Amino acid sequence: MRLNRYLSQCGVASRRGAEEIILGGRVSINGHIIKELATQVQPEDKVVVDGSPVRTETPLVIALNKPKGYLCSRGDTHERMTIYDLLPGKFQNLHHVGRLDKESEGLLLLTNRGDLSHRLIHPSQGAEKEYEVVVDQPLTTEVMAKLVKGMMTEEGFARAERAWMDTAYRAHIVLKMGLKRQIRMMLYYLGYEVERLTRTRIGWLQLKGLPKGGWKELTPTEVERFFKEAPAKPALA
């Protein structure tokens, strides 16, 4: 296994971040500083980063249907509920890929794989996230067009990849960007309040079939689809 991939699977950094760590002379294998990116790691090798040994964890990726009212956080000073309250102990060390704010719900991925996090979050990778949105007043096709055209907000330029109406009060919005509270913010700038926000898809993976508060561990084949396939429409079984 290439060294950058090994470090990513150890949870040290994304593959690109691991390359920077390697080139910085911060990694040694069996006592020798390694700066060659193509270096292969063997099962018996002792890999050390910044003086601390690292080893691969069993790769884990789970899909969670986050209910409204839960924080994407490991703990809260006000003792509010977090997504980790929904998960068994063996998943407490997983990190969430992106986040949903407290009032939002729907599909969330958690993993110990840095390469998957980078694939789904980094703008250059372009993994789509689809949301169902319910607002407080009737929508129009003009509003949908403005969401796709984009606008300047306090967080920067924000736009949707696609947007379409289901009913006068319900729409679907697809993002590749990940600005803080992006959908709520864009609609607020257009004069709307979001009454319900549900993430229904990440990449190829849809929320269907997963009950609120429920989780499912993804198979290696399912995980690899995030790296190899364009978004499709299969549902969780």
C-alpha atoms as a PDB file:
ATOM      1  CA  MET A   1       0.000   0.000   0.000  1.00  0.00           C
ATOM      2  CA  ARG A   2       1.325   3.458  -0.885  1.00  0.00           C
ATOM      3  CA  LEU A   3       2.424   5.461   2.120  1.00  0.00           C
ATOM      4  CA  ASN A   4      -0.015   8.349   1.590  1.00  0.00           C
ATOM      5  CA  ARG A   5      -2.947   5.929   1.428  1.00  0.00           C
ATOM      6  CA  TYR A   6      -1.682   4.127   4.525  1.00  0.00           C
ATOM      7  CA  LEU A   7      -1.527   7.387   6.494  1.00  0.00           C
ATOM      8  CA  SER A   8      -5.010   8.302   5.290  1.00  0.00           C
ATOM      9  CA  GLN A   9      -6.390   4.973   6.492  1.00  0.00           C
ATOM     10  CA  CYS A  10      -4.684   5.567   9.826  1.00  0.00           C
ATOM     11  CA  GLY A  11      -6.745   8.733  10.142  1.00  0.00           C
ATOM     12  CA  VAL A  12      -3.649  10.972  10.052  1.00  0.00           C
ATOM     13  CA  ALA A  13      -4.812  13.131   7.117  1.00  0.00           C
ATOM     14  CA  SER A  14      -6.362  13.031   3.659  1.00  0.00           C
ATOM     15  CA  ARG A  15      -4.156  11.555   0.926  1.00  0.00           C
ATOM     16  CA  ARG A  16      -3.117  15.023  -0.197  1.00  0.00           C
ATOM     17  CA  GLY A  17      -2.471  16.090   3.394  1.00  0.00           C
ATOM     18  CA  ALA A  18      -0.441  12.918   3.911  1.00  0.00           C
ATOM     19  CA  GLU A  19       1.728  13.805   0.925  1.00  0.00           C
ATOM     20  CA  GLU A  20       2.584  17.150   2.540  1.00  0.00           C
ATOM     21  CA  ILE A  21       3.457  15.376   5.789  1.00  0.00           C
ATOM     22  CA  ILE A  22       5.731  12.934   3.922  1.00  0.00           C
ATOM     23  CA  LEU A  23       7.490  15.661   1.929  1.00  0.00           C
ATOM     24  CA  GLY A  24       8.005  17.561   5.176  1.00  0.00           C
ATOM     25  CA  GLY A  25      10.163  14.735   6.518  1.00  0.00           C
ATOM     26  CA  ARG A  26       7.747  13.959   9.344  1.00  0.00           C
ATOM     27  CA  VAL A  27       7.377  10.239   8.572  1.00  0.00           C
ATOM     28  CA  SER A  28       9.753   7.381   9.270  1.00  0.00           C
ATOM     29  CA  ILE A  29       9.504   3.683   8.446  1.00  0.00           C
ATOM     30  CA  ASN A  30      11.541   1.281  10.569  1.00  0.00           C
ATOM     31  CA  GLY A  31      13.622   4.191  11.838  1.00  0.00           C
ATOM     32  CA  HIS A  32      14.368   5.799   8.458  1.00  0.00           C
ATOM     33  CA  ILE A  33      12.932   9.189   7.412  1.00  0.00           C
ATOM     34  CA  ILE A  34      10.892   8.748   4.243  1.00  0.00           C
ATOM     35  CA  LYS A  35      10.234  11.524   1.718  1.00  0.00           C
ATOM     36  CA  GLU A  36       9.459   9.416  -1.342  1.00  0.00           C
ATOM     37  CA  LEU A  37       5.716   9.526  -2.065  1.00  0.00           C
ATOM     38  CA  ALA A  38       5.725   6.204  -3.936  1.00  0.00           C
ATOM     39  CA  THR A  39       7.062   4.290  -0.909  1.00  0.00           C
ATOM     40  CA  GLN A  40       5.157   1.083  -0.232  1.00  0.00           C
ATOM     41  CA  VAL A  41       4.243   0.084   3.326  1.00  0.00           C
ATOM     42  CA  GLN A  42       4.460  -3.604   4.221  1.00  0.00           C
ATOM     43  CA  PRO A  43       2.365  -5.219   6.985  1.00  0.00           C
ATOM     44  CA  GLU A  44       5.413  -5.703   9.223  1.00  0.00           C
ATOM     45  CA  ASP A  45       6.672  -2.091   8.886  1.00  0.00           C
ATOM     46  CA  LYS A  46       6.713   0.296  11.844  1.00  0.00           C
ATOM     47  CA  VAL A  47       5.434   3.688  10.682  1.00  0.00           C
ATOM     48  CA  VAL A  48       5.969   6.764  12.859  1.00  0.00           C
ATOM     49  CA  VAL A  49       4.570  10.296  12.300  1.00  0.00           C
ATOM     50  CA  ASP A  50       5.936  13.202  14.352  1.00  0.00           C
ATOM     51  CA  GLY A  51       7.444  10.719  16.795  1.00  0.00           C
ATOM     52  CA  SER A  52       4.273   8.699  17.381  1.00  0.00           C
ATOM     53  CA  PRO A  53       3.606   5.223  15.929  1.00  0.00           C
ATOM     54  CA  VAL A  54       0.537   4.926  13.703  1.00  0.00           C
ATOM     55  CA  ARG A  55      -1.340   1.932  12.419  1.00  0.00           C
ATOM     56  CA  THR A  56      -4.345   1.404  10.228  1.00  0.00           C
ATOM     57  CA  GLU A  57      -7.751   1.060  11.760  1.00  0.00           C
ATOM     58  CA  THR A  58     -10.344  -1.286  10.380  1.00  0.00           C
ATOM     59  CA  PRO A  59     -11.989   0.938   7.755  1.00  0.00           C
ATOM     60  CA  LEU A  60     -15.514   1.861   8.803  1.00  0.00           C
ATOM     61  CA  VAL A  61     -18.170   3.938   7.066  1.00  0.00           C
ATOM     62  CA  ILE A  62     -21.698   4.248   8.396  1.00  0.00           C
ATOM     63  CA  ALA A  63     -24.753   6.093   7.134  1.00  0.00           C
ATOM     64  CA  LEU A  64     -26.915   7.774   9.784  1.00  0.00           C
ATOM     65  CA  ASN A  65     -30.368   9.308   9.455  1.00  0.00           C
ATOM     66  CA  LYS A  66     -29.866  12.313  11.744  1.00  0.00           C
ATOM     67  CA  PRO A  67     -33.060  13.516  13.440  1.00  0.00           C
ATOM     68  CA  LYS A  68     -33.781  17.187  14.042  1.00  0.00           C
ATOM     69  CA  GLY A  69     -32.467  18.454  17.377  1.00  0.00           C
ATOM     70  CA  TYR A  70     -29.132  16.599  17.414  1.00  0.00           C
ATOM     71  CA  LEU A  71     -25.762  18.331  17.163  1.00  0.00           C
ATOM     72  CA  CYS A  72     -22.942  17.124  14.904  1.00  0.00           C
ATOM     73  CA  SER A  73     -20.494  17.214  17.798  1.00  0.00           C
ATOM     74  CA  ARG A  74     -18.761  14.800  20.165  1.00  0.00           C
ATOM     75  CA  GLY A  75     -19.926  16.716  23.196  1.00  0.00           C
ATOM     76  CA  ASP A  76     -21.785  19.841  24.229  1.00  0.00           C
ATOM     77  CA  THR A  77     -21.226  22.135  27.208  1.00  0.00           C
ATOM     78  CA  HIS A  78     -25.002  22.587  27.528  1.00  0.00           C
ATOM     79  CA  GLU A  79     -25.591  18.811  27.568  1.00  0.00           C
ATOM     80  CA  ARG A  80     -27.662  18.867  24.388  1.00  0.00           C
ATOM     81  CA  MET A  81     -28.100  15.675  22.384  1.00  0.00           C
ATOM     82  CA  THR A  82     -25.440  14.824  19.786  1.00  0.00           C
ATOM     83  CA  ILE A  83     -25.318  12.335  16.932  1.00  0.00           C
ATOM     84  CA  TYR A  84     -22.989  10.158  19.022  1.00  0.00           C
ATOM     85  CA  ASP A  85     -25.841   9.562  21.482  1.00  0.00           C
ATOM     86  CA  LEU A  86     -27.489   7.605  18.649  1.00  0.00           C
ATOM     87  CA  LEU A  87     -24.514   5.311  18.036  1.00  0.00           C
ATOM     88  CA  PRO A  88     -23.051   2.296  19.843  1.00  0.00           C
ATOM     89  CA  GLY A  89     -19.668   2.563  21.562  1.00  0.00           C
ATOM     90  CA  LYS A  90     -17.714   1.041  18.679  1.00  0.00           C
ATOM     91  CA  PHE A  91     -18.583   4.066  16.501  1.00  0.00           C
ATOM     92  CA  GLN A  92     -17.709   6.806  18.989  1.00  0.00           C
ATOM     93  CA  ASN A  93     -14.300   7.416  17.372  1.00  0.00           C
ATOM     94  CA  LEU A  94     -15.706   8.021  13.886  1.00  0.00           C
ATOM     95  CA  HIS A  95     -15.766  11.550  12.499  1.00  0.00           C
ATOM     96  CA  HIS A  96     -18.704  12.944  10.565  1.00  0.00           C
ATOM     97  CA  VAL A  97     -18.203  13.871   6.918  1.00  0.00           C
ATOM     98  CA  GLY A  98     -19.521  17.416   6.654  1.00  0.00           C
ATOM     99  CA  ARG A  99     -22.265  18.346   9.054  1.00  0.00           C
ATOM    100  CA  LEU A 100     -25.933  19.140   9.415  1.00  0.00           C
ATOM    101  CA  ASP A 101     -26.970  21.932  11.773  1.00  0.00           C
ATOM    102  CA  LYS A 102     -29.093  21.189  14.826  1.00  0.00           C
ATOM    103  CA  GLU A 103     -32.392  22.009  13.109  1.00  0.00           C
ATOM    104  CA  SER A 104     -31.617  19.983   9.973  1.00  0.00           C
ATOM    105  CA  GLU A 105     -32.055  16.253   9.471  1.00  0.00           C
ATOM    106  CA  GLY A 106     -31.273  13.456   7.073  1.00  0.00           C
ATOM    107  CA  LEU A 107     -28.333  11.558   5.629  1.00  0.00           C
ATOM    108  CA  LEU A 108     -24.954  11.879   7.344  1.00  0.00           C
ATOM    109  CA  LEU A 109     -21.840   9.742   6.834  1.00  0.00           C
ATOM    110  CA  LEU A 110     -19.351   8.940   9.590  1.00  0.00           C
ATOM    111  CA  THR A 111     -15.995   7.273   8.994  1.00  0.00           C
ATOM    112  CA  ASN A 112     -12.378   6.784  10.054  1.00  0.00           C
ATOM    113  CA  ARG A 113     -11.230   7.047   6.417  1.00  0.00           C
ATOM    114  CA  GLY A 114      -9.575  10.368   5.657  1.00  0.00           C
ATOM    115  CA  ASP A 115      -9.547   9.675   1.922  1.00  0.00           C
ATOM    116  CA  LEU A 116     -13.330   9.319   1.858  1.00  0.00           C
ATOM    117  CA  SER A 117     -13.798  12.544   3.811  1.00  0.00           C
ATOM    118  CA  HIS A 118     -11.609  14.368   1.298  1.00  0.00           C
ATOM    119  CA  ARG A 119     -13.463  12.830  -1.645  1.00  0.00           C
ATOM    120  CA  LEU A 120     -16.850  13.953  -0.378  1.00  0.00           C
ATOM    121  CA  ILE A 121     -16.027  17.344   1.151  1.00  0.00           C
ATOM    122  CA  HIS A 122     -13.320  18.906  -1.005  1.00  0.00           C
ATOM    123  CA  PRO A 123     -14.843  21.237  -3.645  1.00  0.00           C
ATOM    124  CA  SER A 124     -12.531  19.911  -6.386  1.00  0.00           C
ATOM    125  CA  GLN A 125     -14.003  16.427  -5.961  1.00  0.00           C
ATOM    126  CA  GLY A 126     -17.554  17.635  -6.421  1.00  0.00           C
ATOM    127  CA  ALA A 127     -19.613  15.050  -4.533  1.00  0.00           C
ATOM    128  CA  GLU A 128     -23.260  16.123  -4.762  1.00  0.00           C
ATOM    129  CA  LYS A 129     -25.512  16.559  -1.751  1.00  0.00           C
ATOM    130  CA  GLU A 130     -29.253  16.747  -2.335  1.00  0.00           C
ATOM    131  CA  TYR A 131     -31.716  18.370   0.075  1.00  0.00           C
ATOM    132  CA  GLU A 132     -35.485  18.537   0.399  1.00  0.00           C
ATOM    133  CA  VAL A 133     -36.528  21.963   1.652  1.00  0.00           C
ATOM    134  CA  VAL A 134     -39.878  23.199   2.986  1.00  0.00           C
ATOM    135  CA  VAL A 135     -40.316  26.975   3.242  1.00  0.00           C
ATOM    136  CA  ASP A 136     -42.808  29.423   4.747  1.00  0.00           C
ATOM    137  CA  GLN A 137     -44.280  30.935   1.565  1.00  0.00           C
ATOM    138  CA  PRO A 138     -44.842  29.921  -2.074  1.00  0.00           C
ATOM    139  CA  LEU A 139     -41.777  29.374  -4.248  1.00  0.00           C
ATOM    140  CA  THR A 140     -41.423  30.363  -7.893  1.00  0.00           C
ATOM    141  CA  THR A 141     -39.367  29.257 -10.871  1.00  0.00           C
ATOM    142  CA  GLU A 142     -37.611  32.626 -10.658  1.00  0.00           C
ATOM    143  CA  VAL A 143     -36.429  31.798  -7.131  1.00  0.00           C
ATOM    144  CA  MET A 144     -35.125  28.424  -8.341  1.00  0.00           C
ATOM    145  CA  ALA A 145     -33.192  30.181 -11.097  1.00  0.00           C
ATOM    146  CA  LYS A 146     -31.661  32.643  -8.621  1.00  0.00           C
ATOM    147  CA  LEU A 147     -30.464  29.762  -6.423  1.00  0.00           C
ATOM    148  CA  VAL A 148     -28.627  28.241  -9.388  1.00  0.00           C
ATOM    149  CA  LYS A 149     -27.250  31.572 -10.570  1.00  0.00           C
ATOM    150  CA  GLY A 150     -25.853  32.211  -7.105  1.00  0.00           C
ATOM    151  CA  MET A 151     -25.386  35.223  -4.860  1.00  0.00           C
ATOM    152  CA  MET A 152     -22.892  36.879  -2.549  1.00  0.00           C
ATOM    153  CA  THR A 153     -23.493  36.158   1.140  1.00  0.00           C
ATOM    154  CA  GLU A 154     -21.628  36.869   4.334  1.00  0.00           C
ATOM    155  CA  GLU A 155     -19.958  33.450   3.941  1.00  0.00           C
ATOM    156  CA  GLY A 156     -18.921  34.135   0.326  1.00  0.00           C
ATOM    157  CA  PHE A 157     -20.412  33.339  -3.078  1.00  0.00           C
ATOM    158  CA  ALA A 158     -23.096  30.673  -2.752  1.00  0.00           C
ATOM    159  CA  ARG A 159     -24.930  28.779  -5.476  1.00  0.00           C
ATOM    160  CA  ALA A 160     -26.808  25.555  -6.095  1.00  0.00           C
ATOM    161  CA  GLU A 161     -25.970  23.069  -8.841  1.00  0.00           C
ATOM    162  CA  ARG A 162     -29.651  22.398  -9.503  1.00  0.00           C
ATOM    163  CA  ALA A 163     -32.942  23.379  -7.910  1.00  0.00           C
ATOM    164  CA  TRP A 164     -36.529  22.390  -8.694  1.00  0.00           C
ATOM    165  CA  MET A 165     -39.952  22.597  -7.084  1.00  0.00           C
ATOM    166  CA  ASP A 166     -42.037  19.648  -5.893  1.00  0.00           C
ATOM    167  CA  THR A 167     -44.912  21.811  -4.677  1.00  0.00           C
ATOM    168  CA  ALA A 168     -45.389  25.508  -4.017  1.00  0.00           C
ATOM    169  CA  TYR A 169     -43.756  25.137  -0.615  1.00  0.00           C
ATOM    170  CA  ARG A 170     -41.305  22.254  -1.181  1.00  0.00           C
ATOM    171  CA  ALA A 171     -38.189  22.118  -3.358  1.00  0.00           C
ATOM    172  CA  HIS A 172     -35.094  20.002  -3.961  1.00  0.00           C
ATOM    173  CA  ILE A 173     -31.689  21.687  -3.973  1.00  0.00           C
ATOM    174  CA  VAL A 174     -28.410  20.039  -5.022  1.00  0.00           C
ATOM    175  CA  LEU A 175     -25.094  21.419  -3.723  1.00  0.00           C
ATOM    176  CA  LYS A 176     -21.443  20.721  -4.311  1.00  0.00           C
ATOM    177  CA  MET A 177     -20.343  23.624  -2.145  1.00  0.00           C
ATOM    178  CA  GLY A 178     -20.462  23.417   1.627  1.00  0.00           C
ATOM    179  CA  LEU A 179     -20.746  26.903   3.088  1.00  0.00           C
ATOM    180  CA  LYS A 180     -22.069  27.155   6.632  1.00  0.00           C
ATOM    181  CA  ARG A 181     -25.900  26.941   6.642  1.00  0.00           C
ATOM    182  CA  GLN A 182     -25.757  27.560   2.903  1.00  0.00           C
ATOM    183  CA  ILE A 183     -29.320  26.686   1.906  1.00  0.00           C
ATOM    184  CA  ARG A 184     -30.900  28.517   4.825  1.00  0.00           C
ATOM    185  CA  MET A 185     -28.739  31.537   4.078  1.00  0.00           C
ATOM    186  CA  MET A 186     -29.496  31.649   0.330  1.00  0.00           C
ATOM    187  CA  LEU A 187     -33.229  31.350   0.865  1.00  0.00           C
ATOM    188  CA  TYR A 188     -33.124  33.974   3.626  1.00  0.00           C
ATOM    189  CA  TYR A 189     -31.471  36.389   1.190  1.00  0.00           C
ATOM    190  CA  LEU A 190     -34.398  35.719  -1.160  1.00  0.00           C
ATOM    191  CA  GLY A 191     -36.986  36.437   1.547  1.00  0.00           C
ATOM    192  CA  TYR A 192     -37.771  32.906   2.763  1.00  0.00           C
ATOM    193  CA  GLU A 193     -37.559  31.071   6.081  1.00  0.00           C
ATOM    194  CA  VAL A 194     -36.734  27.357   5.980  1.00  0.00           C
ATOM    195  CA  GLU A 195     -39.216  25.337   8.013  1.00  0.00           C
ATOM    196  CA  ARG A 196     -37.701  21.918   7.307  1.00  0.00           C
ATOM    197  CA  LEU A 197     -34.395  20.868   5.744  1.00  0.00           C
ATOM    198  CA  THR A 198     -33.586  17.220   5.007  1.00  0.00           C
ATOM    199  CA  ARG A 199     -30.478  15.878   3.255  1.00  0.00           C
ATOM    200  CA  THR A 200     -31.748  13.062   1.052  1.00  0.00           C
ATOM    201  CA  ARG A 201     -28.617  12.069  -0.890  1.00  0.00           C
ATOM    202  CA  ILE A 202     -24.808  12.127  -0.763  1.00  0.00           C
ATOM    203  CA  GLY A 203     -23.224  11.143  -4.077  1.00  0.00           C
ATOM    204  CA  TRP A 204     -24.952   7.946  -5.197  1.00  0.00           C
ATOM    205  CA  LEU A 205     -26.305   7.084  -1.731  1.00  0.00           C
ATOM    206  CA  GLN A 206     -29.901   7.945  -0.891  1.00  0.00           C
ATOM    207  CA  LEU A 207     -31.641   8.224   2.462  1.00  0.00           C
ATOM    208  CA  LYS A 208     -34.580   5.973   1.525  1.00  0.00           C
ATOM    209  CA  GLY A 209     -35.020   2.921   3.733  1.00  0.00           C
ATOM    210  CA  LEU A 210     -33.155   4.273   6.785  1.00  0.00           C
ATOM    211  CA  PRO A 211     -35.411   5.199   9.744  1.00  0.00           C
ATOM    212  CA  LYS A 212     -34.848   8.383  11.748  1.00  0.00           C
ATOM    213  CA  GLY A 213     -32.050   7.844  14.235  1.00  0.00           C
ATOM    214  CA  GLY A 214     -31.103   4.620  12.459  1.00  0.00           C
ATOM    215  CA  TRP A 215     -27.706   3.752  11.016  1.00  0.00           C
ATOM    216  CA  LYS A 216     -26.240   1.255   8.584  1.00  0.00           C
ATOM    217  CA  GLU A 217     -22.635   0.157   8.016  1.00  0.00           C
ATOM    218  CA  LEU A 218     -21.667   0.396   4.343  1.00  0.00           C
ATOM    219  CA  THR A 219     -19.909  -2.465   2.595  1.00  0.00           C
ATOM    220  CA  PRO A 220     -16.477  -1.970   0.967  1.00  0.00           C
ATOM    221  CA  THR A 221     -18.151  -2.206  -2.449  1.00  0.00           C
ATOM    222  CA  GLU A 222     -20.597   0.562  -1.519  1.00  0.00           C
ATOM    223  CA  VAL A 223     -17.788   2.764  -0.215  1.00  0.00           C
ATOM    224  CA  GLU A 224     -15.760   2.356  -3.412  1.00  0.00           C
ATOM    225  CA  ARG A 225     -18.704   3.644  -5.419  1.00  0.00           C
ATOM    226  CA  PHE A 226     -18.058   7.112  -3.968  1.00  0.00           C
ATOM    227  CA  PHE A 227     -14.655   7.051  -5.686  1.00  0.00           C
ATOM    228  CA  LYS A 228     -15.634   5.381  -8.966  1.00  0.00           C
ATOM    229  CA  GLU A 229     -19.183   6.270  -9.917  1.00  0.00           C
ATOM    230  CA  ALA A 230     -21.184   9.327 -10.886  1.00  0.00           C
ATOM    231  CA  PRO A 231     -24.272   9.934  -8.752  1.00  0.00           C
ATOM    232  CA  ALA A 232     -26.994   7.362  -9.314  1.00  0.00           C
ATOM    233  CA  LYS A 233     -30.234   6.632  -7.496  1.00  0.00           C
ATOM    234  CA  PRO A 234     -30.131   3.370  -5.545  1.00  0.00           C
ATOM    235  CA  ALA A 235     -31.653   3.425  -2.075  1.00  0.00           C
ATOM    236  CA  LEU A 236     -30.446   2.056   1.234  1.00  0.00           C
ATOM    237  CA  ALA A 237     -31.865  -1.397   1.801  1.00  0.00           C
END
